[in-house]
All heavy atoms as atom14 arrays in JSON, in Angstrom:
{
  "sequence": "IAKSGGTPLVVARERRILGVIHLKDIVKPGIR",
  "atom14_mask": [
    [1, 1, 1, 1, 1, 1, 1, 1, 0, 0, 0, 0, 0, 0],
    [1, 1, 1, 1, 1, 0, 0, 0, 0, 0, 0, 0, 0, 0],
    [1, 1, 1, 1, 1, 1, 1, 1, 1, 0, 0, 0, 0, 0],
    [1, 1, 1, 1, 1, 1, 0, 0, 0, 0, 0, 0, 0, 0],
    [1, 1, 1, 1, 0, 0, 0, 0, 0, 0, 0, 0, 0, 0],
    [1, 1, 1, 1, 0, 0, 0, 0, 0, 0, 0, 0, 0, 0],
    [1, 1, 1, 1, 1, 1, 1, 0, 0, 0, 0, 0, 0, 0],
    [1, 1, 1, 1, 1, 1, 1, 0, 0, 0, 0, 0, 0, 0],
    [1, 1, 1, 1, 1, 1, 1, 1, 0, 0, 0, 0, 0, 0],
    [1, 1, 1, 1, 1, 1, 1, 0, 0, 0, 0, 0, 0, 0],
    [1, 1, 1, 1, 1, 1, 1, 0, 0, 0, 0, 0, 0, 0],
    [1, 1, 1, 1, 1, 0, 0, 0, 0, 0, 0, 0, 0, 0],
    [1, 1, 1, 1, 1, 1, 1, 1, 1, 1, 1, 0, 0, 0],
    [1, 1, 1, 1, 1, 1, 1, 1, 1, 0, 0, 0, 0, 0],
    [1, 1, 1, 1, 1, 1, 1, 1, 1, 1, 1, 0, 0, 0],
    [1, 1, 1, 1, 1, 1, 1, 1, 1, 1, 1, 0, 0, 0],
    [1, 1, 1, 1, 1, 1, 1, 1, 0, 0, 0, 0, 0, 0],
    [1, 1, 1, 1, 1, 1, 1, 1, 0, 0, 0, 0, 0, 0],
    [1, 1, 1, 1, 0, 0, 0, 0, 0, 0, 0, 0, 0, 0],
    [1, 1, 1, 1, 1, 1, 1, 0, 0, 0, 0, 0, 0, 0],
    [1, 1, 1, 1, 1, 1, 1, 1, 0, 0, 0, 0, 0, 0],
    [1, 1, 1, 1, 1, 1, 1, 1, 1, 1, 0, 0, 0, 0],
    [1, 1, 1, 1, 1, 1, 1, 1, 0, 0, 0, 0, 0, 0],
    [1, 1, 1, 1, 1, 1, 1, 1, 1, 0, 0, 0, 0, 0],
    [1, 1, 1, 1, 1, 1, 1, 1, 0, 0, 0, 0, 0, 0],
    [1, 1, 1, 1, 1, 1, 1, 1, 0, 0, 0, 0, 0, 0],
    [1, 1, 1, 1, 1, 1, 1, 0, 0, 0, 0, 0, 0, 0],
    [1, 1, 1, 1, 1, 1, 1, 1, 1, 0, 0, 0, 0, 0],
    [1, 1, 1, 1, 1, 1, 1, 0, 0, 0, 0, 0, 0, 0],
    [1, 1, 1, 1, 0, 0, 0, 0, 0, 0, 0, 0, 0, 0],
    [1, 1, 1, 1, 1, 1, 1, 1, 0, 0, 0, 0, 0, 0],
    [1, 1, 1, 1, 1, 1, 1, 1, 1, 1, 1, 0, 0, 0]
  ],
  "atom14_positions": [
    [[-70.03, 96.84, 16.36], [-69.34, 98.16, 16.19], [-69.85, 98.7, 14.81], [-70.25, 99.9, 14.68], [-67.91, 98.0, 16.2], [-67.43, 97.74, 17.65], [-67.19, 99.3, 15.66], [-65.9, 97.49, 17.8], [0.0, 0.0, 0.0], [0.0, 0.0, 0.0], [0.0, 0.0, 0.0], [0.0, 0.0, 0.0], [0.0, 0.0, 0.0], [0.0, 0.0, 0.0]],
    [[-69.98, 97.86, 13.84], [-70.34, 98.35, 12.47], [-71.67, 98.78, 12.48], [-72.14, 99.82, 11.89], [-70.14, 97.22, 11.38], [0.0, 0.0, 0.0], [0.0, 0.0, 0.0], [0.0, 0.0, 0.0], [0.0, 0.0, 0.0], [0.0, 0.0, 0.0], [0.0, 0.0, 0.0], [0.0, 0.0, 0.0], [0.0, 0.0, 0.0], [0.0, 0.0, 0.0]],
    [[-72.67, 98.1, 13.23], [-74.11, 98.48, 13.21], [-74.23, 99.84, 13.96], [-75.28, 100.56, 13.68], [-74.93, 97.35, 13.89], [-75.18, 96.2, 13.05], [-76.1, 95.2, 13.68], [-76.46, 94.09, 12.76], [-77.38, 93.1, 13.39], [0.0, 0.0, 0.0], [0.0, 0.0, 0.0], [0.0, 0.0, 0.0], [0.0, 0.0, 0.0], [0.0, 0.0, 0.0]],
    [[-73.34, 100.13, 14.9], [-73.47, 101.39, 15.65], [-72.9, 102.55, 14.82], [-72.88, 103.73, 15.31], [-72.71, 101.31, 16.98], [-71.32, 101.26, 16.73], [0.0, 0.0, 0.0], [0.0, 0.0, 0.0], [0.0, 0.0, 0.0], [0.0, 0.0, 0.0], [0.0, 0.0, 0.0], [0.0, 0.0, 0.0], [0.0, 0.0, 0.0], [0.0, 0.0, 0.0]],
    [[-72.32, 102.21, 13.65], [-71.76, 103.33, 12.75], [-70.3, 103.46, 12.91], [-69.73, 104.4, 12.38], [0.0, 0.0, 0.0], [0.0, 0.0, 0.0], [0.0, 0.0, 0.0], [0.0, 0.0, 0.0], [0.0, 0.0, 0.0], [0.0, 0.0, 0.0], [0.0, 0.0, 0.0], [0.0, 0.0, 0.0], [0.0, 0.0, 0.0], [0.0, 0.0, 0.0]],
    [[-69.66, 102.58, 13.75], [-68.29, 102.67, 13.98], [-67.49, 101.88, 13.03], [-68.05, 101.14, 12.14], [0.0, 0.0, 0.0], [0.0, 0.0, 0.0], [0.0, 0.0, 0.0], [0.0, 0.0, 0.0], [0.0, 0.0, 0.0], [0.0, 0.0, 0.0], [0.0, 0.0, 0.0], [0.0, 0.0, 0.0], [0.0, 0.0, 0.0], [0.0, 0.0, 0.0]],
    [[-66.12, 101.95, 13.09], [-65.31, 101.15, 12.22], [-64.42, 100.23, 13.21], [-63.77, 100.77, 14.02], [-64.39, 102.08, 11.35], [-65.15, 102.8, 10.59], [-63.44, 101.16, 10.57], [0.0, 0.0, 0.0], [0.0, 0.0, 0.0], [0.0, 0.0, 0.0], [0.0, 0.0, 0.0], [0.0, 0.0, 0.0], [0.0, 0.0, 0.0], [0.0, 0.0, 0.0]],
    [[-64.5, 98.91, 12.99], [-63.65, 98.05, 13.84], [-62.32, 97.77, 13.27], [-62.14, 97.53, 12.05], [-64.54, 96.73, 13.8], [-65.2, 96.77, 12.49], [-65.45, 98.15, 12.13], [0.0, 0.0, 0.0], [0.0, 0.0, 0.0], [0.0, 0.0, 0.0], [0.0, 0.0, 0.0], [0.0, 0.0, 0.0], [0.0, 0.0, 0.0], [0.0, 0.0, 0.0]],
    [[-61.22, 97.83, 14.06], [-59.87, 97.47, 13.69], [-59.48, 96.33, 14.63], [-59.66, 96.43, 15.85], [-58.93, 98.62, 13.89], [-59.11, 99.83, 12.93], [-58.06, 100.86, 13.22], [-59.03, 99.34, 11.47], [0.0, 0.0, 0.0], [0.0, 0.0, 0.0], [0.0, 0.0, 0.0], [0.0, 0.0, 0.0], [0.0, 0.0, 0.0], [0.0, 0.0, 0.0]],
    [[-59.08, 95.24, 14.1], [-58.75, 94.03, 14.84], [-57.27, 94.1, 15.22], [-56.36, 94.48, 14.43], [-59.04, 92.81, 14.06], [-58.64, 91.5, 14.87], [-60.57, 92.74, 13.74], [0.0, 0.0, 0.0], [0.0, 0.0, 0.0], [0.0, 0.0, 0.0], [0.0, 0.0, 0.0], [0.0, 0.0, 0.0], [0.0, 0.0, 0.0], [0.0, 0.0, 0.0]],
    [[-56.92, 93.68, 16.44], [-55.55, 93.66, 17.01], [-55.11, 92.22, 17.23], [-55.86, 91.41, 17.8], [-55.51, 94.37, 18.32], [-54.12, 94.45, 18.89], [-56.01, 95.94, 18.09], [0.0, 0.0, 0.0], [0.0, 0.0, 0.0], [0.0, 0.0, 0.0], [0.0, 0.0, 0.0], [0.0, 0.0, 0.0], [0.0, 0.0, 0.0], [0.0, 0.0, 0.0]],
    [[-53.9, 91.91, 16.69], [-53.34, 90.52, 16.88], [-51.96, 90.62, 17.51], [-51.17, 91.47, 17.18], [-53.36, 89.79, 15.53], [0.0, 0.0, 0.0], [0.0, 0.0, 0.0], [0.0, 0.0, 0.0], [0.0, 0.0, 0.0], [0.0, 0.0, 0.0], [0.0, 0.0, 0.0], [0.0, 0.0, 0.0], [0.0, 0.0, 0.0], [0.0, 0.0, 0.0]],
    [[-51.64, 89.56, 18.27], [-50.31, 89.51, 18.84], [-49.89, 88.03, 18.63], [-50.54, 87.11, 19.06], [-50.23, 89.78, 20.34], [-48.91, 89.66, 20.96], [-48.99, 90.07, 22.51], [-47.74, 90.25, 23.07], [-47.29, 91.23, 23.72], [-48.07, 92.2, 24.05], [-46.08, 91.23, 24.28], [0.0, 0.0, 0.0], [0.0, 0.0, 0.0], [0.0, 0.0, 0.0]],
    [[-48.74, 87.91, 17.93], [-48.17, 86.53, 17.64], [-49.29, 85.72, 16.95], [-49.47, 84.56, 17.3], [-47.71, 85.86, 18.93], [-46.44, 86.41, 19.54], [-45.24, 86.22, 18.64], [-44.85, 85.08, 18.39], [-44.79, 87.26, 18.21], [0.0, 0.0, 0.0], [0.0, 0.0, 0.0], [0.0, 0.0, 0.0], [0.0, 0.0, 0.0], [0.0, 0.0, 0.0]],
    [[-49.87, 86.37, 16.01], [-50.95, 85.74, 15.17], [-52.14, 85.19, 15.97], [-52.96, 84.33, 15.56], [-50.38, 84.6, 14.32], [-49.35, 85.07, 13.33], [-48.86, 84.0, 12.4], [-47.85, 84.62, 11.46], [-48.12, 85.06, 10.28], [-49.38, 85.12, 9.81], [-47.13, 85.59, 9.49], [0.0, 0.0, 0.0], [0.0, 0.0, 0.0], [0.0, 0.0, 0.0]],
    [[-52.34, 85.72, 17.22], [-53.52, 85.47, 18.12], [-54.28, 86.81, 18.24], [-53.74, 87.79, 18.6], [-52.97, 84.98, 19.43], [-54.11, 84.7, 20.39], [-53.55, 84.02, 21.61], [-52.85, 84.94, 22.45], [-53.31, 85.67, 23.46], [-54.59, 85.56, 23.84], [-52.55, 86.5, 24.13], [0.0, 0.0, 0.0], [0.0, 0.0, 0.0], [0.0, 0.0, 0.0]],
    [[-55.5, 86.7, 17.91], [-56.43, 87.86, 17.94], [-56.81, 88.2, 19.44], [-57.24, 87.31, 20.08], [-57.67, 87.72, 17.03], [-57.32, 87.57, 15.58], [-58.64, 88.87, 17.26], [-58.45, 87.29, 14.69], [0.0, 0.0, 0.0], [0.0, 0.0, 0.0], [0.0, 0.0, 0.0], [0.0, 0.0, 0.0], [0.0, 0.0, 0.0], [0.0, 0.0, 0.0]],
    [[-56.52, 89.49, 19.81], [-56.72, 89.89, 21.16], [-58.12, 90.6, 21.32], [-58.7, 90.56, 22.42], [-55.64, 90.77, 21.64], [-54.2, 90.2, 21.62], [-53.21, 91.16, 22.18], [-54.18, 88.93, 22.36], [0.0, 0.0, 0.0], [0.0, 0.0, 0.0], [0.0, 0.0, 0.0], [0.0, 0.0, 0.0], [0.0, 0.0, 0.0], [0.0, 0.0, 0.0]],
    [[-58.45, 91.37, 20.34], [-59.69, 92.19, 20.44], [-59.82, 93.15, 19.39], [-59.15, 93.06, 18.29], [0.0, 0.0, 0.0], [0.0, 0.0, 0.0], [0.0, 0.0, 0.0], [0.0, 0.0, 0.0], [0.0, 0.0, 0.0], [0.0, 0.0, 0.0], [0.0, 0.0, 0.0], [0.0, 0.0, 0.0], [0.0, 0.0, 0.0], [0.0, 0.0, 0.0]],
    [[-60.63, 94.18, 19.61], [-60.99, 95.11, 18.57], [-60.93, 96.61, 19.04], [-61.23, 96.81, 20.27], [-62.45, 94.98, 18.12], [-62.85, 95.86, 16.94], [-62.63, 93.5, 17.61], [0.0, 0.0, 0.0], [0.0, 0.0, 0.0], [0.0, 0.0, 0.0], [0.0, 0.0, 0.0], [0.0, 0.0, 0.0], [0.0, 0.0, 0.0], [0.0, 0.0, 0.0]],
    [[-60.38, 97.53, 18.24], [-60.45, 98.92, 18.46], [-61.73, 99.5, 17.86], [-62.0, 99.26, 16.66], [-59.15, 99.62, 17.93], [-57.96, 98.91, 18.5], [-59.24, 101.13, 18.3], [-56.66, 99.44, 17.75], [0.0, 0.0, 0.0], [0.0, 0.0, 0.0], [0.0, 0.0, 0.0], [0.0, 0.0, 0.0], [0.0, 0.0, 0.0], [0.0, 0.0, 0.0]],
    [[-62.48, 100.29, 18.6], [-63.64, 100.82, 18.1], [-63.33, 102.3, 17.64], [-63.04, 103.18, 18.41], [-64.75, 100.96, 19.22], [-66.11, 101.44, 18.73], [-67.14, 101.59, 19.52], [-66.49, 102.03, 17.52], [-68.19, 102.11, 18.9], [-67.75, 102.45, 17.62], [0.0, 0.0, 0.0], [0.0, 0.0, 0.0], [0.0, 0.0, 0.0], [0.0, 0.0, 0.0]],
    [[-63.32, 102.48, 16.27], [-63.24, 103.87, 15.73], [-64.57, 104.51, 15.53], [-65.45, 103.77, 14.91], [-62.37, 103.78, 14.4], [-60.96, 103.28, 14.45], [-60.34, 103.4, 13.01], [-60.1, 104.1, 15.34], [0.0, 0.0, 0.0], [0.0, 0.0, 0.0], [0.0, 0.0, 0.0], [0.0, 0.0, 0.0], [0.0, 0.0, 0.0], [0.0, 0.0, 0.0]],
    [[-64.77, 105.65, 15.9], [-66.06, 106.27, 15.78], [-66.02, 107.51, 14.89], [-65.12, 108.3, 15.0], [-66.49, 106.7, 17.21], [-68.0, 106.98, 17.25], [-68.4, 107.2, 18.79], [-69.93, 107.37, 18.88], [-70.31, 107.54, 20.27], [0.0, 0.0, 0.0], [0.0, 0.0, 0.0], [0.0, 0.0, 0.0], [0.0, 0.0, 0.0], [0.0, 0.0, 0.0]],
    [[-66.95, 107.53, 13.99], [-67.19, 108.68, 13.13], [-68.22, 109.61, 13.72], [-69.32, 109.31, 13.96], [-67.71, 108.2, 11.73], [-67.02, 108.92, 10.57], [-66.38, 109.93, 10.86], [-67.16, 108.45, 9.41], [0.0, 0.0, 0.0], [0.0, 0.0, 0.0], [0.0, 0.0, 0.0], [0.0, 0.0, 0.0], [0.0, 0.0, 0.0], [0.0, 0.0, 0.0]],
    [[-67.82, 110.87, 14.02], [-68.68, 111.77, 14.87], [-69.54, 112.58, 13.82], [-68.95, 113.36, 12.93], [-67.82, 112.7, 15.66], [-66.81, 111.89, 16.56], [-68.79, 113.51, 16.55], [-67.59, 110.95, 17.5], [0.0, 0.0, 0.0], [0.0, 0.0, 0.0], [0.0, 0.0, 0.0], [0.0, 0.0, 0.0], [0.0, 0.0, 0.0], [0.0, 0.0, 0.0]],
    [[-70.81, 112.51, 13.87], [-71.7, 113.31, 13.09], [-71.71, 114.75, 13.59], [-71.73, 115.05, 14.77], [-73.2, 112.82, 13.15], [-74.07, 113.68, 12.46], [-73.15, 111.35, 12.49], [0.0, 0.0, 0.0], [0.0, 0.0, 0.0], [0.0, 0.0, 0.0], [0.0, 0.0, 0.0], [0.0, 0.0, 0.0], [0.0, 0.0, 0.0], [0.0, 0.0, 0.0]],
    [[-71.59, 115.67, 12.59], [-71.56, 117.07, 12.95], [-72.81, 117.55, 13.65], [-73.9, 117.21, 13.27], [-71.31, 117.94, 11.77], [-69.92, 117.76, 11.16], [-69.7, 118.71, 9.89], [-68.36, 118.58, 9.43], [-68.04, 119.47, 8.16], [0.0, 0.0, 0.0], [0.0, 0.0, 0.0], [0.0, 0.0, 0.0], [0.0, 0.0, 0.0], [0.0, 0.0, 0.0]],
    [[-72.72, 118.33, 14.78], [-73.94, 118.86, 15.41], [-74.73, 119.78, 14.54], [-74.16, 120.58, 13.78], [-73.38, 119.66, 16.61], [-71.97, 119.93, 16.2], [-71.44, 118.82, 15.36], [0.0, 0.0, 0.0], [0.0, 0.0, 0.0], [0.0, 0.0, 0.0], [0.0, 0.0, 0.0], [0.0, 0.0, 0.0], [0.0, 0.0, 0.0], [0.0, 0.0, 0.0]],
    [[-76.0, 119.62, 14.53], [-76.9, 120.49, 13.72], [-77.14, 119.96, 12.33], [-78.0, 120.5, 11.61], [0.0, 0.0, 0.0], [0.0, 0.0, 0.0], [0.0, 0.0, 0.0], [0.0, 0.0, 0.0], [0.0, 0.0, 0.0], [0.0, 0.0, 0.0], [0.0, 0.0, 0.0], [0.0, 0.0, 0.0], [0.0, 0.0, 0.0], [0.0, 0.0, 0.0]],
    [[-76.33, 118.97, 11.88], [-76.46, 118.49, 10.5], [-77.92, 117.9, 10.28], [-78.45, 118.02, 9.21], [-75.39, 117.51, 10.11], [-75.18, 117.49, 8.58], [-75.54, 116.16, 10.74], [-74.6, 118.61, 7.99], [0.0, 0.0, 0.0], [0.0, 0.0, 0.0], [0.0, 0.0, 0.0], [0.0, 0.0, 0.0], [0.0, 0.0, 0.0], [0.0, 0.0, 0.0]],
    [[-78.37, 117.14, 11.23], [-79.71, 116.55, 11.18], [-80.83, 117.58, 10.9], [-81.7, 117.37, 10.05], [-80.07, 115.68, 12.42], [-81.24, 114.85, 12.2], [-81.57, 114.07, 13.52], [-82.65, 113.12, 13.31], [-82.52, 111.88, 12.86], [-81.37, 111.41, 12.63], [-83.58, 111.13, 12.66], [0.0, 0.0, 0.0], [0.0, 0.0, 0.0], [0.0, 0.0, 0.0]]
  ]
}
């Protein structure tokens, strides 16, 4: 997720890690 430009948030239940939420930063169109 980090290499793709996203931000990972980790989710845990009862101190057991279940997975990751992928937060995405959207590049503005035309900026390139």
